[in-house]
């Protein structure tokens, strides 16, 4: 799953609040509040340390969580959703 790198928006532009199983993320630059379900908040947390390729992100998530049968295509789909929402950049 090599290819582009992904990084989350700078921490100072996001404000996250946990609400039961969901996470509300306010994106200061756009003024939009996003409602995220797992694994989106975990992906943002993993990308907060710096840009990663899809393969490196999957490895980092695998180190922190029991992914079982991790699906690289599903991770890329979640990344595409986060890019479309403006919470992650693709480079």
Foldseek 3Di string as FASTA:
>chain_A
DFDWKKAFDAPVQWDWDDDPQWIWIQGNVVRDIDIDGPPLVVLNVLRNVHIDGLVVSVVVVVVVDVCPPDDSVVSVVSRVVCVVVVGMDID
